[in-house]
């Protein structure tokens, strides 16, 4: 390799091929100073990754919502998928908006966000959470009841009674129905 095809990382100080560095056309050699490995490690261990995620959530929502870095950190620290209950590890951990940002009732706030696995996130997409519950094999009745309990508790900021949980569950079902009807008319 020639000197033009290699570069020293500013973080780990290792000399690596240019392909090991993120592209940055505005720089003289067209590459970042930090290699992909160091950048990935820095983003995962520091707040940089969460800050970037927070920035993207605000961008996607048009600046609506009040999600804080601490709230996002708490959501990301969940150990199990909200929808199927599988153990979450970094490679499959996603944050899902219960009410997708494209839906009428959507907000970019902690109440509306849950941790889930990549599979459930891509299966749910922008559908209503109740519709996803109805069609998913993995989103069991027990998982649904736990989801409703946790959602209601966050929204109400207190322990919901059994009657209130039943009303929340019915409310999700009615919302899904109303959303379908609205979309059919539109």
N, C-alpha and C. Protein backbone atom coordinates (compact mmCIF):
# COMPACT_ATOMS: atom_id res chain seq x y z
N UNK A 1 0.84 -1.19 0.00
CA UNK A 1 0.00 0.00 0.00
C UNK A 1 0.88 1.25 0.00
N UNK A 2 0.43 2.23 -0.70
CA UNK A 2 1.15 3.49 -0.73
C UNK A 2 0.67 4.37 0.41
N UNK A 3 1.41 5.44 0.66
CA UNK A 3 1.03 6.38 1.73
C UNK A 3 -0.33 7.01 1.47
N UNK A 4 -0.74 7.06 0.22
CA UNK A 4 -2.03 7.66 -0.13
C UNK A 4 -3.19 6.73 0.19
N UNK A 5 -2.92 5.44 0.42
CA UNK A 5 -3.97 4.47 0.68
C UNK A 5 -4.08 4.11 2.16
N UNK A 6 -3.26 4.69 3.01
CA UNK A 6 -3.29 4.42 4.44
C UNK A 6 -3.39 5.72 5.22
N UNK A 7 -3.79 5.57 6.49
CA UNK A 7 -3.94 6.74 7.34
C UNK A 7 -3.82 6.29 8.79
N UNK A 8 -3.29 7.18 9.64
CA UNK A 8 -3.20 6.87 11.07
C UNK A 8 -4.42 7.43 11.78
N UNK A 9 -5.05 6.58 12.59
CA UNK A 9 -6.22 6.99 13.37
C UNK A 9 -5.78 7.94 14.47
N UNK A 10 -6.52 9.02 14.67
CA UNK A 10 -6.17 10.00 15.70
C UNK A 10 -6.48 9.48 17.11
N UNK A 11 -7.28 8.42 17.22
CA UNK A 11 -7.64 7.89 18.53
C UNK A 11 -6.75 6.72 18.94
N UNK A 12 -6.74 5.65 18.13
CA UNK A 12 -5.96 4.46 18.49
C UNK A 12 -4.52 4.51 17.98
N UNK A 13 -4.22 5.47 17.12
CA UNK A 13 -2.88 5.69 16.55
C UNK A 13 -2.42 4.56 15.62
N UNK A 14 -3.32 3.64 15.27
CA UNK A 14 -2.96 2.57 14.34
C UNK A 14 -3.01 3.08 12.91
N UNK A 15 -2.13 2.56 12.07
CA UNK A 15 -2.14 2.89 10.65
C UNK A 15 -3.03 1.86 9.97
N UNK A 16 -4.04 2.36 9.25
CA UNK A 16 -5.04 1.48 8.64
C UNK A 16 -5.30 1.92 7.21
N UNK A 17 -5.90 1.02 6.40
CA UNK A 17 -6.28 1.41 5.03
C UNK A 17 -7.34 2.52 5.07
N UNK A 18 -7.36 3.35 4.05
CA UNK A 18 -8.32 4.46 3.99
C UNK A 18 -9.76 3.99 4.11
N UNK A 19 -10.05 2.77 3.63
CA UNK A 19 -11.42 2.25 3.70
C UNK A 19 -11.89 2.06 5.14
N UNK A 20 -10.95 2.07 6.11
CA UNK A 20 -11.29 1.90 7.52
C UNK A 20 -11.76 3.20 8.17
N UNK A 21 -11.82 4.27 7.40
CA UNK A 21 -12.21 5.58 7.91
C UNK A 21 -13.47 6.06 7.22
N UNK A 22 -14.38 6.70 7.96
CA UNK A 22 -15.60 7.23 7.33
C UNK A 22 -15.27 8.28 6.27
N UNK A 23 -16.05 8.28 5.24
CA UNK A 23 -15.86 9.24 4.14
C UNK A 23 -16.24 10.65 4.58
N UNK A 24 -15.42 11.63 4.17
CA UNK A 24 -15.71 13.03 4.43
C UNK A 24 -15.12 13.82 3.28
N UNK A 25 -15.88 14.02 2.19
CA UNK A 25 -15.36 14.67 0.98
C UNK A 25 -14.74 16.04 1.21
N UNK A 26 -15.16 16.75 2.23
CA UNK A 26 -14.65 18.10 2.45
C UNK A 26 -13.22 18.13 2.99
N UNK A 27 -12.71 17.00 3.47
CA UNK A 27 -11.35 16.94 4.00
C UNK A 27 -10.36 16.64 2.86
N UNK A 28 -9.10 17.06 3.02
CA UNK A 28 -8.11 16.89 1.94
C UNK A 28 -7.98 15.46 1.41
N UNK A 29 -7.97 14.46 2.31
CA UNK A 29 -7.84 13.08 1.83
C UNK A 29 -9.20 12.39 1.68
N UNK A 30 -10.28 13.11 1.96
CA UNK A 30 -11.63 12.58 1.77
C UNK A 30 -12.09 11.64 2.87
N UNK A 31 -11.35 11.56 3.99
CA UNK A 31 -11.68 10.65 5.07
C UNK A 31 -11.58 11.33 6.43
N UNK A 32 -12.39 10.85 7.39
CA UNK A 32 -12.34 11.33 8.77
C UNK A 32 -10.99 10.96 9.39
N UNK A 33 -10.67 11.55 10.52
CA UNK A 33 -9.42 11.26 11.20
C UNK A 33 -9.51 10.06 12.14
N UNK A 34 -10.72 9.70 12.54
CA UNK A 34 -10.92 8.58 13.46
C UNK A 34 -11.45 7.38 12.68
N UNK A 35 -10.86 6.20 12.92
CA UNK A 35 -11.27 5.00 12.18
C UNK A 35 -12.68 4.56 12.59
N UNK A 36 -13.28 3.72 11.76
CA UNK A 36 -14.64 3.23 12.02
C UNK A 36 -14.74 2.51 13.36
N UNK A 37 -13.75 1.70 13.72
CA UNK A 37 -13.78 0.94 14.98
C UNK A 37 -13.79 1.88 16.18
N UNK A 38 -12.90 2.85 16.19
CA UNK A 38 -12.83 3.79 17.31
C UNK A 38 -14.09 4.65 17.38
N UNK A 39 -14.58 5.07 16.23
CA UNK A 39 -15.80 5.89 16.18
C UNK A 39 -16.98 5.11 16.75
N UNK A 40 -17.10 3.85 16.34
CA UNK A 40 -18.18 3.00 16.82
C UNK A 40 -18.09 2.80 18.33
N UNK A 41 -16.91 2.51 18.83
CA UNK A 41 -16.71 2.32 20.26
C UNK A 41 -17.01 3.60 21.04
N UNK A 42 -16.56 4.74 20.55
CA UNK A 42 -16.81 6.02 21.22
C UNK A 42 -18.31 6.31 21.27
N UNK A 43 -18.98 6.06 20.17
CA UNK A 43 -20.41 6.35 20.12
C UNK A 43 -21.21 5.44 21.05
N UNK A 44 -20.77 4.19 21.21
CA UNK A 44 -21.50 3.25 22.06
C UNK A 44 -21.22 3.47 23.54
N UNK A 45 -20.02 3.92 23.89
CA UNK A 45 -19.67 4.05 25.30
C UNK A 45 -19.95 5.43 25.87
N UNK A 46 -20.03 6.43 25.07
CA UNK A 46 -20.28 7.78 25.56
C UNK A 46 -21.69 8.22 25.25
N UNK A 47 -21.97 9.46 25.56
CA UNK A 47 -23.29 10.02 25.27
C UNK A 47 -23.43 10.45 23.81
N UNK A 48 -22.35 10.39 23.05
CA UNK A 48 -22.41 10.82 21.65
C UNK A 48 -23.46 10.08 20.86
N UNK A 49 -23.54 8.78 21.06
CA UNK A 49 -24.52 7.97 20.34
C UNK A 49 -25.94 8.38 20.72
N UNK A 50 -26.20 8.50 22.02
CA UNK A 50 -27.54 8.88 22.46
C UNK A 50 -27.90 10.29 22.03
N UNK A 51 -26.92 11.19 22.06
CA UNK A 51 -27.18 12.56 21.61
C UNK A 51 -27.54 12.58 20.13
N UNK A 52 -26.87 11.76 19.35
CA UNK A 52 -27.18 11.66 17.92
C UNK A 52 -28.57 11.08 17.72
N UNK A 53 -28.92 10.05 18.49
CA UNK A 53 -30.26 9.46 18.40
C UNK A 53 -31.32 10.50 18.78
N UNK A 54 -31.06 11.26 19.84
CA UNK A 54 -31.99 12.29 20.28
C UNK A 54 -32.18 13.34 19.20
N UNK A 55 -31.08 13.76 18.59
CA UNK A 55 -31.14 14.73 17.50
C UNK A 55 -31.98 14.20 16.34
N UNK A 56 -31.79 12.93 16.01
CA UNK A 56 -32.56 12.33 14.90
C UNK A 56 -34.04 12.22 15.24
N UNK A 57 -34.36 11.91 16.51
CA UNK A 57 -35.77 11.84 16.91
C UNK A 57 -36.43 13.21 16.76
N UNK A 58 -35.72 14.27 17.16
CA UNK A 58 -36.29 15.61 17.02
C UNK A 58 -36.42 16.01 15.55
N UNK A 59 -35.43 15.65 14.76
CA UNK A 59 -35.49 15.96 13.33
C UNK A 59 -36.69 15.28 12.68
N UNK A 60 -36.86 13.98 12.95
CA UNK A 60 -37.95 13.22 12.35
C UNK A 60 -39.32 13.72 12.80
N UNK A 61 -39.39 14.28 14.03
CA UNK A 61 -40.69 14.73 14.53
C UNK A 61 -40.95 16.19 14.22
N UNK A 62 -40.05 16.82 13.51
CA UNK A 62 -40.22 18.24 13.22
C UNK A 62 -40.05 19.11 14.46
N UNK A 63 -39.28 18.64 15.43
CA UNK A 63 -39.03 19.40 16.65
C UNK A 63 -40.12 19.29 17.69
N UNK A 64 -41.09 18.39 17.47
CA UNK A 64 -42.18 18.23 18.44
C UNK A 64 -41.75 17.25 19.52
N UNK A 65 -42.13 17.53 20.75
CA UNK A 65 -41.86 16.62 21.85
C UNK A 65 -40.89 17.19 22.85
N UNK A 66 -40.74 16.46 23.94
CA UNK A 66 -39.89 16.95 25.03
C UNK A 66 -38.97 15.86 25.57
N UNK A 67 -38.55 14.97 24.74
CA UNK A 67 -37.68 13.88 25.14
C UNK A 67 -36.31 14.42 25.57
N UNK A 68 -35.83 13.96 26.72
CA UNK A 68 -34.52 14.39 27.22
C UNK A 68 -33.52 13.25 27.06
N UNK A 69 -32.25 13.58 27.18
CA UNK A 69 -31.18 12.59 27.10
C UNK A 69 -31.34 11.54 28.20
N UNK A 70 -31.71 11.94 29.39
CA UNK A 70 -31.89 11.01 30.51
C UNK A 70 -33.03 10.05 30.22
N UNK A 71 -34.13 10.56 29.67
CA UNK A 71 -35.26 9.69 29.34
C UNK A 71 -34.89 8.69 28.26
N UNK A 72 -34.17 9.15 27.24
CA UNK A 72 -33.75 8.24 26.18
C UNK A 72 -32.79 7.19 26.74
N UNK A 73 -31.91 7.58 27.64
CA UNK A 73 -30.99 6.64 28.28
C UNK A 73 -31.78 5.58 29.05
N UNK A 74 -32.84 5.99 29.76
CA UNK A 74 -33.67 5.04 30.51
C UNK A 74 -34.39 4.07 29.57
N UNK A 75 -34.92 4.58 28.48
CA UNK A 75 -35.60 3.72 27.50
C UNK A 75 -34.62 2.72 26.92
N UNK A 76 -33.44 3.20 26.55
CA UNK A 76 -32.42 2.34 25.95
C UNK A 76 -31.88 1.30 26.93
N UNK A 77 -32.06 1.51 28.23
CA UNK A 77 -31.52 0.58 29.22
C UNK A 77 -32.45 -0.61 29.47
N UNK A 78 -33.63 -0.63 28.86
CA UNK A 78 -34.54 -1.75 29.05
C UNK A 78 -33.87 -3.03 28.58
N UNK A 79 -34.09 -4.10 29.31
CA UNK A 79 -33.42 -5.37 29.04
C UNK A 79 -34.19 -6.29 28.10
N UNK A 80 -35.49 -6.05 27.95
CA UNK A 80 -36.32 -6.94 27.12
C UNK A 80 -37.16 -6.13 26.14
N UNK A 81 -37.47 -6.77 25.01
CA UNK A 81 -38.33 -6.15 24.00
C UNK A 81 -39.72 -5.95 24.57
N UNK A 82 -40.26 -4.77 24.42
CA UNK A 82 -41.60 -4.45 24.91
C UNK A 82 -42.65 -5.33 24.26
N UNK A 83 -42.46 -5.69 23.00
CA UNK A 83 -43.48 -6.40 22.24
C UNK A 83 -43.39 -7.92 22.31
N UNK A 84 -42.18 -8.48 22.25
CA UNK A 84 -42.07 -9.95 22.24
C UNK A 84 -41.37 -10.51 23.47
N UNK A 85 -40.71 -9.66 24.24
CA UNK A 85 -40.08 -10.10 25.47
C UNK A 85 -38.69 -10.69 25.32
N UNK A 86 -38.14 -10.71 24.10
CA UNK A 86 -36.80 -11.28 23.93
C UNK A 86 -35.76 -10.39 24.61
N UNK A 87 -34.63 -10.98 24.96
CA UNK A 87 -33.54 -10.23 25.58
C UNK A 87 -32.93 -9.31 24.54
N UNK A 88 -32.74 -8.05 24.93
CA UNK A 88 -32.17 -7.05 24.02
C UNK A 88 -30.67 -6.94 24.24
N UNK A 89 -29.93 -6.95 23.16
CA UNK A 89 -28.51 -6.63 23.21
C UNK A 89 -28.27 -5.59 22.13
N UNK A 90 -27.14 -4.92 22.18
CA UNK A 90 -26.90 -3.72 21.37
C UNK A 90 -27.21 -3.90 19.88
N UNK A 91 -26.91 -5.06 19.31
CA UNK A 91 -27.07 -5.24 17.86
C UNK A 91 -28.53 -5.23 17.42
N UNK A 92 -29.46 -5.60 18.32
CA UNK A 92 -30.87 -5.65 17.92
C UNK A 92 -31.73 -4.63 18.64
N UNK A 93 -31.17 -3.85 19.55
CA UNK A 93 -31.95 -2.88 20.34
C UNK A 93 -32.39 -1.70 19.47
N UNK A 94 -33.67 -1.40 19.52
CA UNK A 94 -34.24 -0.27 18.78
C UNK A 94 -35.13 0.52 19.75
N UNK A 95 -35.43 1.75 19.39
CA UNK A 95 -36.41 2.54 20.12
C UNK A 95 -37.58 2.75 19.17
N UNK A 96 -38.76 2.40 19.64
CA UNK A 96 -39.95 2.50 18.80
C UNK A 96 -40.91 3.54 19.36
N UNK A 97 -41.53 4.29 18.46
CA UNK A 97 -42.62 5.19 18.86
C UNK A 97 -43.89 4.36 18.89
N UNK A 98 -44.54 4.28 20.03
CA UNK A 98 -45.80 3.53 20.15
C UNK A 98 -46.77 4.08 19.11
N UNK A 99 -46.95 5.39 19.11
CA UNK A 99 -47.71 6.06 18.06
C UNK A 99 -46.67 6.60 17.09
N UNK A 100 -46.58 5.99 15.93
CA UNK A 100 -45.57 6.38 14.95
C UNK A 100 -45.67 7.85 14.63
N UNK A 101 -44.53 8.45 14.29
CA UNK A 101 -44.49 9.90 14.06
C UNK A 101 -45.42 10.34 12.95
N UNK A 102 -45.80 9.46 12.07
CA UNK A 102 -46.72 9.82 10.99
C UNK A 102 -48.18 9.78 11.41
N UNK A 103 -48.48 9.24 12.59
CA UNK A 103 -49.86 9.10 13.03
C UNK A 103 -50.37 10.39 13.68
N UNK A 104 -51.68 10.50 13.76
CA UNK A 104 -52.30 11.72 14.26
C UNK A 104 -51.93 12.05 15.70
N UNK A 105 -51.81 11.03 16.55
CA UNK A 105 -51.61 11.27 17.97
C UNK A 105 -50.15 11.19 18.38
N UNK A 106 -49.25 11.20 17.44
CA UNK A 106 -47.84 10.93 17.76
C UNK A 106 -47.17 12.09 18.49
N UNK A 107 -46.25 11.73 19.37
CA UNK A 107 -45.41 12.69 20.08
C UNK A 107 -44.02 12.09 20.22
N UNK A 108 -43.03 12.94 20.26
CA UNK A 108 -41.65 12.53 20.47
C UNK A 108 -41.33 12.75 21.95
N UNK A 109 -41.88 11.87 22.80
CA UNK A 109 -41.70 12.01 24.24
C UNK A 109 -41.54 10.63 24.87
N UNK A 110 -41.08 10.60 26.10
CA UNK A 110 -40.78 9.34 26.78
C UNK A 110 -42.01 8.45 26.91
N UNK A 111 -43.17 9.02 27.09
CA UNK A 111 -44.40 8.22 27.22
C UNK A 111 -44.64 7.41 25.95
N UNK A 112 -44.31 7.98 24.81
CA UNK A 112 -44.61 7.37 23.52
C UNK A 112 -43.49 6.48 22.98
N UNK A 113 -42.43 6.26 23.75
CA UNK A 113 -41.28 5.51 23.22
C UNK A 113 -40.97 4.31 24.09
N UNK A 114 -40.65 3.19 23.43
CA UNK A 114 -40.31 1.95 24.13
C UNK A 114 -39.12 1.29 23.43
N UNK A 115 -38.41 0.46 24.18
CA UNK A 115 -37.32 -0.33 23.60
C UNK A 115 -37.91 -1.60 23.01
N UNK A 116 -37.40 -1.99 21.86
CA UNK A 116 -37.87 -3.22 21.25
C UNK A 116 -36.75 -3.81 20.40
N UNK A 117 -36.97 -5.03 19.94
CA UNK A 117 -35.97 -5.68 19.08
C UNK A 117 -36.16 -5.21 17.64
N UNK A 118 -35.14 -5.40 16.85
CA UNK A 118 -35.16 -5.00 15.45
C UNK A 118 -36.30 -5.68 14.69
N UNK A 119 -36.54 -6.95 14.99
CA UNK A 119 -37.59 -7.71 14.31
C UNK A 119 -38.97 -7.10 14.56
N UNK A 120 -39.29 -6.83 15.82
CA UNK A 120 -40.59 -6.23 16.14
C UNK A 120 -40.71 -4.83 15.56
N UNK A 121 -39.62 -4.06 15.63
CA UNK A 121 -39.65 -2.70 15.10
C UNK A 121 -39.96 -2.70 13.61
N UNK A 122 -39.32 -3.59 12.87
CA UNK A 122 -39.57 -3.61 11.42
C UNK A 122 -40.92 -4.23 11.09
N UNK A 123 -41.41 -5.14 11.94
CA UNK A 123 -42.74 -5.73 11.70
C UNK A 123 -43.85 -4.73 12.01
N UNK A 124 -43.68 -3.97 13.10
CA UNK A 124 -44.70 -2.99 13.49
C UNK A 124 -44.75 -1.83 12.51
N UNK A 125 -43.57 -1.37 12.10
CA UNK A 125 -43.43 -0.22 11.20
C UNK A 125 -44.23 0.96 11.72
N UNK A 126 -45.16 1.49 10.92
CA UNK A 126 -45.94 2.64 11.36
C UNK A 126 -47.38 2.27 11.71
N UNK A 127 -47.63 0.98 11.92
CA UNK A 127 -48.99 0.56 12.26
C UNK A 127 -49.30 0.91 13.72
N UNK A 128 -50.58 0.94 14.03
CA UNK A 128 -51.02 1.20 15.40
C UNK A 128 -50.60 0.02 16.27
N UNK A 129 -50.23 0.28 17.51
CA UNK A 129 -49.73 -0.76 18.40
C UNK A 129 -50.77 -1.87 18.60
N UNK A 130 -52.05 -1.54 18.62
CA UNK A 130 -53.08 -2.57 18.79
C UNK A 130 -53.15 -3.46 17.56
N UNK A 131 -53.05 -2.89 16.39
CA UNK A 131 -53.04 -3.70 15.16
C UNK A 131 -51.84 -4.64 15.14
N UNK A 132 -50.69 -4.14 15.58
CA UNK A 132 -49.50 -4.99 15.64
C UNK A 132 -49.73 -6.13 16.63
N UNK A 133 -50.32 -5.84 17.77
CA UNK A 133 -50.62 -6.87 18.77
C UNK A 133 -51.53 -7.94 18.16
N UNK A 134 -52.52 -7.52 17.39
CA UNK A 134 -53.47 -8.46 16.80
C UNK A 134 -52.84 -9.39 15.77
N UNK A 135 -51.87 -8.90 15.02
CA UNK A 135 -51.31 -9.72 13.94
C UNK A 135 -50.00 -10.42 14.28
N UNK A 136 -49.39 -10.07 15.40
CA UNK A 136 -48.08 -10.64 15.75
C UNK A 136 -48.21 -11.93 16.55
N UNK A 137 -47.42 -12.93 16.16
CA UNK A 137 -47.38 -14.19 16.91
C UNK A 137 -46.62 -14.02 18.22
N UNK A 138 -45.63 -13.14 18.22
CA UNK A 138 -44.75 -12.98 19.37
C UNK A 138 -45.30 -12.03 20.43
N UNK A 139 -46.18 -11.12 20.04
CA UNK A 139 -46.75 -10.13 20.97
C UNK A 139 -47.94 -10.81 21.67
N UNK A 140 -47.64 -11.55 22.72
CA UNK A 140 -48.64 -12.37 23.41
C UNK A 140 -49.58 -11.51 24.25
N UNK A 141 -50.63 -12.15 24.75
CA UNK A 141 -51.58 -11.46 25.62
C UNK A 141 -50.87 -10.96 26.88
N UNK A 142 -49.97 -11.78 27.42
CA UNK A 142 -49.23 -11.35 28.62
C UNK A 142 -48.36 -10.13 28.30
N UNK A 143 -47.70 -10.14 27.15
CA UNK A 143 -46.89 -8.98 26.75
C UNK A 143 -47.78 -7.76 26.54
N UNK A 144 -48.95 -7.95 25.93
CA UNK A 144 -49.89 -6.85 25.70
C UNK A 144 -50.32 -6.23 27.03
N UNK A 145 -50.69 -7.06 27.99
CA UNK A 145 -51.13 -6.57 29.29
C UNK A 145 -50.01 -5.81 30.00
N UNK A 146 -48.79 -6.32 29.89
CA UNK A 146 -47.65 -5.62 30.49
C UNK A 146 -47.41 -4.29 29.79
N UNK A 147 -47.52 -4.27 28.45
CA UNK A 147 -47.37 -3.03 27.69
C UNK A 147 -48.41 -2.00 28.14
N UNK A 148 -49.69 -2.40 28.20
CA UNK A 148 -50.77 -1.48 28.58
C UNK A 148 -50.52 -0.95 29.99
N UNK A 149 -50.11 -1.83 30.90
CA UNK A 149 -49.84 -1.41 32.28
C UNK A 149 -48.73 -0.35 32.32
N UNK A 150 -47.62 -0.62 31.67
CA UNK A 150 -46.49 0.31 31.69
C UNK A 150 -46.82 1.62 30.98
N UNK A 151 -47.54 1.54 29.86
CA UNK A 151 -47.91 2.75 29.13
C UNK A 151 -48.84 3.61 29.98
N UNK A 152 -49.86 2.97 30.58
CA UNK A 152 -50.82 3.70 31.41
C UNK A 152 -50.13 4.31 32.63
N UNK A 153 -49.22 3.56 33.24
CA UNK A 153 -48.51 4.06 34.41
C UNK A 153 -47.65 5.28 34.05
N UNK A 154 -47.00 5.25 32.88
CA UNK A 154 -46.20 6.41 32.45
C UNK A 154 -47.11 7.60 32.16
N UNK A 155 -48.22 7.35 31.48
CA UNK A 155 -49.11 8.44 31.09
C UNK A 155 -49.83 9.05 32.30
N UNK A 156 -50.24 8.21 33.23
CA UNK A 156 -51.00 8.68 34.39
C UNK A 156 -50.10 9.15 35.54
N UNK A 157 -48.84 8.70 35.52
CA UNK A 157 -47.87 9.02 36.58
C UNK A 157 -48.32 8.50 37.94
N UNK A 158 -49.03 7.37 37.93
CA UNK A 158 -49.43 6.68 39.16
C UNK A 158 -49.82 5.24 38.78
N UNK A 159 -50.05 4.43 39.78
CA UNK A 159 -50.44 3.05 39.53
C UNK A 159 -51.88 2.99 39.03
N UNK A 160 -52.10 2.42 37.84
CA UNK A 160 -53.48 2.32 37.35
C UNK A 160 -54.23 1.16 38.02
N UNK A 161 -55.52 1.36 38.21
CA UNK A 161 -56.35 0.29 38.78
C UNK A 161 -56.68 -0.71 37.67
N UNK A 162 -57.26 -1.83 38.06
CA UNK A 162 -57.64 -2.87 37.09
C UNK A 162 -58.65 -2.32 36.09
N UNK A 163 -59.59 -1.52 36.57
CA UNK A 163 -60.61 -0.93 35.70
C UNK A 163 -59.97 0.05 34.71
N UNK A 164 -59.02 0.83 35.20
CA UNK A 164 -58.34 1.79 34.32
C UNK A 164 -57.54 1.06 33.24
N UNK A 165 -56.90 -0.05 33.60
CA UNK A 165 -56.16 -0.83 32.60
C UNK A 165 -57.10 -1.40 31.53
N UNK A 166 -58.27 -1.85 31.94
CA UNK A 166 -59.26 -2.34 30.97
C UNK A 166 -59.67 -1.22 30.03
N UNK A 167 -59.87 -0.02 30.57
CA UNK A 167 -60.24 1.13 29.74
C UNK A 167 -59.12 1.52 28.78
N UNK A 168 -57.87 1.47 29.24
CA UNK A 168 -56.74 1.76 28.37
C UNK A 168 -56.69 0.75 27.22
N UNK A 169 -56.89 -0.52 27.53
CA UNK A 169 -56.84 -1.56 26.50
C UNK A 169 -57.96 -1.35 25.47
N UNK A 170 -59.15 -1.05 25.95
CA UNK A 170 -60.27 -0.76 25.05
C UNK A 170 -59.98 0.49 24.24
N UNK A 171 -59.38 1.47 24.88
CA UNK A 171 -59.03 2.71 24.19
C UNK A 171 -58.07 2.47 23.03
N UNK A 172 -57.05 1.63 23.24
CA UNK A 172 -56.14 1.30 22.14
C UNK A 172 -56.88 0.65 20.99
N UNK A 173 -57.78 -0.26 21.31
CA UNK A 173 -58.56 -0.94 20.27
C UNK A 173 -59.42 0.05 19.49
N UNK A 174 -60.09 0.95 20.20
CA UNK A 174 -60.93 1.96 19.53
C UNK A 174 -60.09 2.92 18.69
N UNK A 175 -58.94 3.33 19.19
CA UNK A 175 -58.06 4.20 18.41
C UNK A 175 -57.64 3.56 17.10
N UNK A 176 -57.29 2.28 17.18
CA UNK A 176 -56.87 1.56 15.97
C UNK A 176 -58.00 1.53 14.95
N UNK A 177 -59.19 1.29 15.43
CA UNK A 177 -60.36 1.25 14.55
C UNK A 177 -60.62 2.63 13.94
N UNK A 178 -60.57 3.67 14.77
CA UNK A 178 -60.80 5.04 14.28
C UNK A 178 -59.73 5.44 13.27
N UNK A 179 -58.49 5.06 13.52
CA UNK A 179 -57.41 5.40 12.60
C UNK A 179 -57.63 4.73 11.25
N UNK A 180 -58.04 3.47 11.25
CA UNK A 180 -58.32 2.77 9.98
C UNK A 180 -59.44 3.49 9.22
N UNK A 181 -60.50 3.84 9.94
CA UNK A 181 -61.63 4.53 9.30
C UNK A 181 -61.20 5.88 8.75
N UNK A 182 -60.41 6.61 9.50
CA UNK A 182 -59.93 7.91 9.06
C UNK A 182 -59.10 7.77 7.78
N UNK A 183 -58.19 6.81 7.79
CA UNK A 183 -57.31 6.60 6.62
C UNK A 183 -58.09 6.15 5.39
N UNK A 184 -59.17 5.41 5.60
CA UNK A 184 -60.00 4.98 4.47
C UNK A 184 -60.76 6.16 3.85
N UNK A 185 -61.15 7.12 4.71
CA UNK A 185 -61.87 8.30 4.21
C UNK A 185 -60.93 9.29 3.51
N UNK A 186 -59.68 9.32 3.97
CA UNK A 186 -58.71 10.31 3.45
C UNK A 186 -58.26 9.99 2.05
